Protein backbone atom coordinates (compact mmCIF):
# COMPACT_ATOMS: atom_id res chain seq x y z
CA MET A 1 55.39 10.13 19.14
CA ILE A 2 54.00 9.45 15.47
CA ASP A 3 52.99 5.56 17.17
CA VAL A 4 50.41 7.80 19.58
CA VAL A 5 49.44 9.78 16.39
CA LEU A 6 48.37 6.44 14.23
CA LEU A 7 46.95 4.99 17.21
CA ILE A 8 44.75 7.98 17.52
CA GLY A 9 44.11 7.90 13.86
CA ARG A 10 43.07 4.49 13.71
CA LEU A 11 40.98 4.71 16.98
CA LEU A 12 38.96 7.52 14.92
CA PHE A 13 38.49 5.47 11.82
CA VAL A 14 37.11 2.46 13.80
CA ALA A 15 34.20 5.29 15.55
CA MET A 16 33.79 6.74 12.58
CA LEU A 17 33.14 3.57 10.86
CA TYR A 18 30.62 2.27 13.80
CA LEU A 19 28.81 5.81 13.26
CA PHE A 20 28.09 5.59 9.74
CA LEU A 21 26.65 1.74 9.76
CA PHE A 22 24.50 2.45 12.62
CA ALA A 23 22.86 5.00 10.65
CA ILE A 24 22.82 2.84 7.94
CA MET A 25 21.32 0.15 9.80
CA ARG A 26 18.97 2.73 11.57
CA THR A 27 17.41 3.88 8.55
CA GLY A 28 17.30 0.44 6.95
CA ILE A 29 15.07 -0.63 10.01
CA GLY A 30 13.21 2.25 9.62
CA LEU A 31 12.33 1.25 6.05
CA VAL A 32 11.50 -2.24 6.74
CA ARG A 33 8.87 -0.82 9.41
CA GLY A 34 7.46 1.59 7.21
CA GLN A 35 7.42 3.95 9.55
CA ARG A 36 8.61 6.78 7.75
CA LYS A 37 6.91 10.40 9.18
CA LYS A 38 6.15 11.59 5.75
CA GLU A 39 4.12 8.69 3.84
CA ARG A 40 0.72 7.87 3.49
CA THR A 41 -1.31 5.84 5.14
CA TRP A 42 -4.16 4.20 2.47
CA ASN A 43 -7.50 2.72 3.84
CA LEU A 44 -10.27 0.93 2.05
CA SER A 45 -13.47 0.97 3.44
CA VAL A 46 -16.32 -1.39 1.77
CA GLU A 47 -19.42 1.55 2.53
CA LYS A 48 -22.27 -0.64 0.31
CA GLY A 49 -22.78 -3.96 -0.42
CA PRO A 50 -23.44 -7.44 0.98
CA LYS A 51 -24.23 -7.45 5.17
CA GLU A 52 -20.90 -9.40 5.67
CA LEU A 53 -19.15 -7.05 3.74
CA ARG A 54 -20.55 -3.37 5.41
CA GLY A 55 -17.64 -1.97 7.38
CA VAL A 56 -14.95 -4.25 6.69
CA SER A 57 -11.90 -1.97 6.67
CA ILE A 58 -7.98 -2.95 5.11
CA VAL A 59 -5.05 -0.74 5.48
CA VAL A 60 -2.80 -0.98 2.20
CA HIS A 61 0.55 -1.97 2.95
CA GLY A 62 0.99 -3.51 -0.36
CA PRO A 63 -1.41 -4.82 -3.60
CA VAL A 64 -4.99 -5.68 -2.40
CA VAL A 65 -7.01 -7.79 -5.30
CA VAL A 66 -10.68 -8.10 -5.17
CA GLY A 67 -12.90 -10.82 -6.58
CA ARG A 68 -15.12 -13.82 -6.42
CA SER A 69 -11.93 -16.17 -5.32
CA PRO A 70 -11.13 -17.49 -1.81
CA ASN A 71 -7.70 -16.08 -2.39
CA ALA A 72 -8.90 -12.57 -3.15
CA ASP A 73 -7.71 -9.82 -0.05
CA ILE A 74 -11.83 -8.62 -0.13
CA VAL A 75 -14.14 -11.42 -1.30
CA ILE A 76 -16.96 -10.33 -3.16
CA GLY A 77 -19.55 -13.88 -3.53
CA ALA A 78 -21.28 -12.47 -6.53
CA GLY A 79 -21.80 -14.26 -9.81
CA TYR A 80 -21.30 -10.10 -11.55
CA VAL A 81 -17.56 -10.38 -10.08
CA SER A 82 -14.79 -11.84 -11.50
CA ALA A 83 -12.17 -14.58 -9.93
CA ARG A 84 -9.54 -11.53 -9.77
CA HIS A 85 -11.51 -8.45 -10.53
CA ALA A 86 -9.51 -5.90 -9.46
CA ARG A 87 -6.67 -4.81 -8.24
CA PHE A 88 -5.47 -1.61 -5.56
CA VAL A 89 -1.55 -1.15 -6.12
CA LEU A 90 0.99 1.62 -3.77
CA MET A 91 3.16 3.06 -6.09
CA GLY A 92 5.55 5.62 -4.16
CA GLN A 93 3.23 7.16 -2.05
CA ASN A 94 -0.08 6.91 -4.63
CA LEU A 95 -2.44 4.62 -4.63
CA PHE A 96 -3.84 3.22 -7.95
CA VAL A 97 -6.70 0.69 -8.81
CA GLU A 98 -6.52 -1.30 -11.67
CA ASP A 99 -9.37 -3.45 -13.62
CA LEU A 100 -7.87 -7.05 -13.77
CA GLY A 101 -9.59 -7.48 -17.34
CA SER A 102 -13.01 -8.31 -15.34
CA THR A 103 -16.37 -9.05 -17.80
CA ASN A 104 -18.31 -6.09 -16.03
CA GLY A 105 -15.57 -3.59 -15.39
CA THR A 106 -14.74 -1.50 -12.16
CA ALA A 107 -15.74 2.28 -11.86
CA VAL A 108 -13.97 5.25 -9.86
CA ASP A 109 -16.52 7.57 -8.94
CA GLY A 110 -18.73 6.32 -11.41
CA GLN A 111 -16.88 6.45 -14.73
CA LEU A 112 -15.73 2.91 -15.58
CA ILE A 113 -11.56 2.43 -15.93
CA ASP A 114 -9.36 0.53 -18.93
CA GLU A 115 -6.32 1.21 -17.24
CA PRO A 116 -4.73 1.60 -13.74
CA THR A 117 -6.20 4.62 -11.88
CA SER A 118 -5.14 7.05 -9.59
CA LEU A 119 -7.33 7.72 -6.33
CA VAL A 120 -7.30 10.71 -4.45
CA ASP A 121 -9.06 10.55 -0.39
CA GLY A 122 -12.91 10.10 -0.95
CA ASP A 123 -12.63 8.37 -4.14
CA VAL A 124 -15.36 5.71 -4.45
CA VAL A 125 -14.45 2.48 -6.59
CA THR A 126 -17.62 0.20 -7.68
CA ILE A 127 -17.51 -3.13 -8.28
CA GLY A 128 -21.08 -4.56 -8.87
CA ASP A 129 -22.88 -3.05 -6.12
CA VAL A 130 -20.05 -3.02 -3.93
CA SER A 131 -18.87 0.71 -3.10
CA ILE A 132 -15.28 0.59 -1.69
CA ARG A 133 -14.19 4.77 0.07
CA VAL A 134 -10.51 4.98 -0.24
CA ARG A 135 -9.30 7.15 2.51
CA HIS A 136 -5.37 8.38 3.19
CA SER A 137 -4.00 9.83 6.52
CA LYS A 138 -0.13 11.61 7.01
């Protein structure tokens, strides 16, 4: 009789262990895919600037660098833009923009920034004559 009780106890323990591991894997896969339902999706859209850039839209999944360098995510081929001019960065569910020490500066809604600045839906980031509108969806 005691052997049967121990066997049932072991089987329940193994079943609980598998359920626990399954729950952890499911959570981990959701985090890796970035499909948590409460997260915001941030989008950058070039509204004003050179013809080839107007209408360009990028969904922000990680840092987005704007500059003259061919390695930048948004390349602006103008002399007034530094090689690595500005960077958009996700911090939690918030989007920030920071000037990377450029010569001519970066503006948010017309105000030059000198430190990482939190952005809200509809803000316009200006780099020279290029305007990038920030949008988010839930």
